[in-house]
Structure formats: C-alpha cells, structure tokens
Amino acid sequence: MRLAWKTLLAMALISAFGVWAAAQQDSQPAAPDNTKMNQKERSSGTTADQQKENQSDRELARQIRRAIVQDKSLSTYAHNVKIVAQGGTVTLKGPVKSEEEKTAIEQKAAELAGGPTKVMNELEVAGDRGGKPSPNRP
C-alpha cells in the first residue's frame, strides 16, 4: 500500500513539473524574426547595405541608433529597426510594437537629422501587417 502511494505521489510530481515547464517555455518571448520583411526589402530597394560609406551618413545612422537603444522604454522591435542614411536623409524601416514607438523613433531621428523633412518613416506597427505578430515575435 505504501509503495502505491509513493508511486502515485511521484507520478503527480512529475506531471506537475511537466505542466510547469511547458508554461514557462510558452511565456518566454522568442527572438524577433524579420526574415520575410528582409526578403521584401531586398527586392524593393532601400536596405542597410545600400547606405553610402561617407562619414557623415554613417555617423548620423550611428547617432540615431544610439538614441533609440538608450531609450529603455522602447521594445526589442524598436531597438532593432533598420536605419539607412543617404545624403543626410534617413529611412526608418521595420516592425515596432505601437504607434507611440513609431512616433518616438521618428522624433529621435528628426532631431538628429535636422528636421522631419529629413526622415522617411516606413516603420510598421507589428499588428498592422494583416493581423497579429507572428508567434516568433514577442
């Protein structure tokens, strides 16, 4: 009889651990996956590898990236947007979590680039691309 209780208790603990482990795994955000967006951008024109190698454009892109990454209120999406500077004009591309993030990034870029006319905002709110973000995105 004792052996049966011990066996039953052991099985219950193993089962509970399995449920807990599955819940923990589901709650962990996956890394952003922009593969489809990257393929679309390669065919459309403006990609980071097309940025000119002049010092002023590289420095402008670096300053904007630094301003975005230092803002810890922004999501991982926002920290990873594409920033392409060409001739002093900045193009912003990629997914963000909200309209507020989209606006915040555009404002940071405009401050550093010399005004809103120097920024082409092609950022997309993650849910604006036809439904919810993919399961691979936080």
C-alpha atoms as a PDB file:
ATOM      1  CA  MET A   1       0.000   0.000   0.000  1.00  0.00           C
ATOM      2  CA  ARG A   2       2.803   2.413   0.887  1.00  0.00           C
ATOM      3  CA  LEU A   3       4.538   1.706  -2.389  1.00  0.00           C
ATOM      4  CA  ALA A   4       1.362   2.574  -4.295  1.00  0.00           C
ATOM      5  CA  TRP A   5       1.116   5.962  -2.525  1.00  0.00           C
ATOM      6  CA  LYS A   6       4.768   6.722  -3.180  1.00  0.00           C
ATOM      7  CA  THR A   7       4.357   5.808  -6.828  1.00  0.00           C
ATOM      8  CA  LEU A   8       1.210   7.909  -7.120  1.00  0.00           C
ATOM      9  CA  LEU A   9       2.916  10.884  -5.445  1.00  0.00           C
ATOM     10  CA  ALA A  10       5.969  10.585  -7.682  1.00  0.00           C
ATOM     11  CA  MET A  11       3.798  10.491 -10.805  1.00  0.00           C
ATOM     12  CA  ALA A  12       1.836  13.557  -9.644  1.00  0.00           C
ATOM     13  CA  LEU A  13       5.058  15.497  -9.037  1.00  0.00           C
ATOM     14  CA  ILE A  14       6.465  14.552 -12.429  1.00  0.00           C
ATOM     15  CA  SER A  15       3.208  15.540 -14.121  1.00  0.00           C
ATOM     16  CA  ALA A  16       3.052  18.879 -12.271  1.00  0.00           C
ATOM     17  CA  PHE A  17       6.662  19.623 -13.213  1.00  0.00           C
ATOM     18  CA  GLY A  18       5.888  18.894 -16.860  1.00  0.00           C
ATOM     19  CA  VAL A  19       2.947  21.331 -16.835  1.00  0.00           C
ATOM     20  CA  TRP A  20       5.056  23.993 -15.097  1.00  0.00           C
ATOM     21  CA  ALA A  21       7.938  23.559 -17.555  1.00  0.00           C
ATOM     22  CA  ALA A  22       5.588  23.845 -20.545  1.00  0.00           C
ATOM     23  CA  ALA A  23       4.042  27.026 -19.111  1.00  0.00           C
ATOM     24  CA  GLN A  24       7.494  28.531 -18.566  1.00  0.00           C
ATOM     25  CA  GLN A  25       8.528  27.749 -22.114  1.00  0.00           C
ATOM     26  CA  ASP A  26       5.358  29.337 -23.551  1.00  0.00           C
ATOM     27  CA  SER A  27       5.876  32.510 -21.516  1.00  0.00           C
ATOM     28  CA  GLN A  28       9.412  33.088 -22.823  1.00  0.00           C
ATOM     29  CA  PRO A  29       9.383  35.588 -25.713  1.00  0.00           C
ATOM     30  CA  ALA A  30      11.011  34.343 -28.867  1.00  0.00           C
ATOM     31  CA  ALA A  31      13.590  36.363 -30.722  1.00  0.00           C
ATOM     32  CA  PRO A  32      12.178  38.707 -33.383  1.00  0.00           C
ATOM     33  CA  ASP A  33      12.253  37.162 -36.849  1.00  0.00           C
ATOM     34  CA  ASN A  34      12.221  39.659 -39.708  1.00  0.00           C
ATOM     35  CA  THR A  35      13.113  37.179 -42.452  1.00  0.00           C
ATOM     36  CA  LYS A  36      10.035  37.844 -44.602  1.00  0.00           C
ATOM     37  CA  MET A  37      10.385  41.600 -44.232  1.00  0.00           C
ATOM     38  CA  ASN A  38      14.086  41.431 -45.109  1.00  0.00           C
ATOM     39  CA  GLN A  39      13.332  39.488 -48.300  1.00  0.00           C
ATOM     40  CA  LYS A  40      10.694  42.054 -49.303  1.00  0.00           C
ATOM     41  CA  GLU A  41      13.096  44.949 -48.660  1.00  0.00           C
ATOM     42  CA  ARG A  42      15.892  43.421 -50.724  1.00  0.00           C
ATOM     43  CA  SER A  43      13.626  43.436 -53.741  1.00  0.00           C
ATOM     44  CA  SER A  44      12.219  46.931 -53.098  1.00  0.00           C
ATOM     45  CA  GLY A  45      15.367  48.989 -52.819  1.00  0.00           C
ATOM     46  CA  THR A  46      16.329  50.578 -49.502  1.00  0.00           C
ATOM     47  CA  THR A  47      18.438  48.248 -47.402  1.00  0.00           C
ATOM     48  CA  ALA A  48      21.243  48.890 -44.939  1.00  0.00           C
ATOM     49  CA  ASP A  49      23.865  47.576 -47.356  1.00  0.00           C
ATOM     50  CA  GLN A  50      22.904  50.323 -49.811  1.00  0.00           C
ATOM     51  CA  GLN A  51      23.941  53.022 -47.342  1.00  0.00           C
ATOM     52  CA  LYS A  52      26.806  55.059 -48.709  1.00  0.00           C
ATOM     53  CA  GLU A  53      30.141  54.779 -46.992  1.00  0.00           C
ATOM     54  CA  ASN A  54      30.566  58.503 -46.408  1.00  0.00           C
ATOM     55  CA  GLN A  55      31.431  59.511 -42.864  1.00  0.00           C
ATOM     56  CA  SER A  56      28.514  61.900 -42.304  1.00  0.00           C
ATOM     57  CA  ASP A  57      25.828  59.329 -43.210  1.00  0.00           C
ATOM     58  CA  ARG A  58      27.459  56.611 -41.109  1.00  0.00           C
ATOM     59  CA  GLU A  59      27.749  58.988 -38.162  1.00  0.00           C
ATOM     60  CA  LEU A  60      24.123  60.094 -38.499  1.00  0.00           C
ATOM     61  CA  ALA A  61      22.897  56.477 -38.546  1.00  0.00           C
ATOM     62  CA  ARG A  62      25.116  55.686 -35.542  1.00  0.00           C
ATOM     63  CA  GLN A  63      23.749  58.611 -33.532  1.00  0.00           C
ATOM     64  CA  ILE A  64      20.145  57.666 -34.272  1.00  0.00           C
ATOM     65  CA  ARG A  65      20.787  54.009 -33.373  1.00  0.00           C
ATOM     66  CA  ARG A  66      22.403  55.085 -30.099  1.00  0.00           C
ATOM     67  CA  ALA A  67      19.439  57.348 -29.205  1.00  0.00           C
ATOM     68  CA  ILE A  68      16.969  54.534 -29.897  1.00  0.00           C
ATOM     69  CA  VAL A  69      18.880  51.844 -27.995  1.00  0.00           C
ATOM     70  CA  GLN A  70      19.430  54.111 -24.977  1.00  0.00           C
ATOM     71  CA  ASP A  71      15.661  54.547 -24.631  1.00  0.00           C
ATOM     72  CA  LYS A  72      14.857  51.528 -22.453  1.00  0.00           C
ATOM     73  CA  SER A  73      11.113  52.238 -22.675  1.00  0.00           C
ATOM     74  CA  LEU A  74      11.200  51.010 -26.292  1.00  0.00           C
ATOM     75  CA  SER A  75      10.704  47.338 -27.201  1.00  0.00           C
ATOM     76  CA  THR A  76      13.192  44.965 -28.759  1.00  0.00           C
ATOM     77  CA  TYR A  77      11.422  45.606 -32.079  1.00  0.00           C
ATOM     78  CA  ALA A  78      12.150  49.318 -31.783  1.00  0.00           C
ATOM     79  CA  HIS A  79      15.775  48.755 -30.816  1.00  0.00           C
ATOM     80  CA  ASN A  80      16.241  46.695 -33.977  1.00  0.00           C
ATOM     81  CA  VAL A  81      14.670  48.892 -36.652  1.00  0.00           C
ATOM     82  CA  LYS A  82      16.673  49.493 -39.802  1.00  0.00           C
ATOM     83  CA  ILE A  83      18.225  52.930 -40.132  1.00  0.00           C
ATOM     84  CA  VAL A  84      19.577  53.893 -43.551  1.00  0.00           C
ATOM     85  CA  ALA A  85      21.126  57.328 -44.023  1.00  0.00           C
ATOM     86  CA  GLN A  86      21.760  58.534 -47.580  1.00  0.00           C
ATOM     87  CA  GLY A  87      22.741  62.117 -48.329  1.00  0.00           C
ATOM     88  CA  GLY A  88      21.537  63.275 -44.912  1.00  0.00           C
ATOM     89  CA  THR A  89      18.079  61.748 -45.370  1.00  0.00           C
ATOM     90  CA  VAL A  90      17.169  58.898 -43.035  1.00  0.00           C
ATOM     91  CA  THR A  91      14.891  55.972 -43.862  1.00  0.00           C
ATOM     92  CA  LEU A  92      13.438  54.012 -40.937  1.00  0.00           C
ATOM     93  CA  LYS A  93      12.117  50.510 -41.601  1.00  0.00           C
ATOM     94  CA  GLY A  94      10.915  47.540 -39.617  1.00  0.00           C
ATOM     95  CA  PRO A  95       8.272  46.496 -37.123  1.00  0.00           C
ATOM     96  CA  VAL A  96       7.540  48.287 -33.845  1.00  0.00           C
ATOM     97  CA  LYS A  97       5.085  47.395 -31.084  1.00  0.00           C
ATOM     98  CA  SER A  98       2.906  50.526 -31.127  1.00  0.00           C
ATOM     99  CA  GLU A  99       2.124  53.853 -32.760  1.00  0.00           C
ATOM    100  CA  GLU A 100       3.812  55.520 -29.772  1.00  0.00           C
ATOM    101  CA  GLU A 101       7.077  53.708 -30.533  1.00  0.00           C
ATOM    102  CA  LYS A 102       6.787  54.614 -34.190  1.00  0.00           C
ATOM    103  CA  THR A 103       6.370  58.296 -33.293  1.00  0.00           C
ATOM    104  CA  ALA A 104       9.152  58.250 -30.677  1.00  0.00           C
ATOM    105  CA  ILE A 105      11.656  56.766 -33.130  1.00  0.00           C
ATOM    106  CA  GLU A 106      10.688  59.231 -35.853  1.00  0.00           C
ATOM    107  CA  GLN A 107      11.118  62.143 -33.434  1.00  0.00           C
ATOM    108  CA  LYS A 108      14.569  60.942 -32.334  1.00  0.00           C
ATOM    109  CA  ALA A 109      15.646  60.588 -35.967  1.00  0.00           C
ATOM    110  CA  ALA A 110      14.240  64.014 -36.904  1.00  0.00           C
ATOM    111  CA  GLU A 111      16.085  65.710 -34.033  1.00  0.00           C
ATOM    112  CA  LEU A 112      19.397  64.270 -35.156  1.00  0.00           C
ATOM    113  CA  ALA A 113      18.850  64.537 -38.922  1.00  0.00           C
ATOM    114  CA  GLY A 114      17.813  68.181 -38.940  1.00  0.00           C
ATOM    115  CA  GLY A 115      14.021  68.049 -39.030  1.00  0.00           C
ATOM    116  CA  PRO A 116      11.073  65.884 -40.014  1.00  0.00           C
ATOM    117  CA  THR A 117      11.585  66.533 -43.730  1.00  0.00           C
ATOM    118  CA  LYS A 118      14.844  64.568 -43.475  1.00  0.00           C
ATOM    119  CA  VAL A 119      13.103  61.386 -42.246  1.00  0.00           C
ATOM    120  CA  MET A 120      11.214  58.796 -44.281  1.00  0.00           C
ATOM    121  CA  ASN A 121       9.242  56.771 -41.739  1.00  0.00           C
ATOM    122  CA  GLU A 122       8.443  53.340 -43.156  1.00  0.00           C
ATOM    123  CA  LEU A 123       8.044  51.716 -39.730  1.00  0.00           C
ATOM    124  CA  GLU A 124       5.088  49.365 -39.282  1.00  0.00           C
ATOM    125  CA  VAL A 125       3.207  48.582 -36.113  1.00  0.00           C
ATOM    126  CA  ALA A 126       3.562  44.800 -35.767  1.00  0.00           C
ATOM    127  CA  GLY A 127      -0.208  44.192 -35.867  1.00  0.00           C
ATOM    128  CA  ASP A 128      -0.701  46.433 -38.939  1.00  0.00           C
ATOM    129  CA  ARG A 129       0.670  43.800 -41.310  1.00  0.00           C
ATOM    130  CA  GLY A 130      -2.503  41.775 -41.556  1.00  0.00           C
ATOM    131  CA  GLY A 131      -3.284  40.584 -38.068  1.00  0.00           C
ATOM    132  CA  LYS A 132      -1.251  39.620 -35.051  1.00  0.00           C
ATOM    133  CA  PRO A 133       2.539  39.429 -34.964  1.00  0.00           C
ATOM    134  CA  SER A 134       3.886  36.006 -35.782  1.00  0.00           C
ATOM    135  CA  PRO A 135       4.395  33.596 -32.861  1.00  0.00           C
ATOM    136  CA  ASN A 136       8.151  34.106 -33.272  1.00  0.00           C
ATOM    137  CA  ARG A 137       7.818  37.707 -32.170  1.00  0.00           C
ATOM    138  CA  PRO A 138       7.476  38.986 -28.622  1.00  0.00           C
END
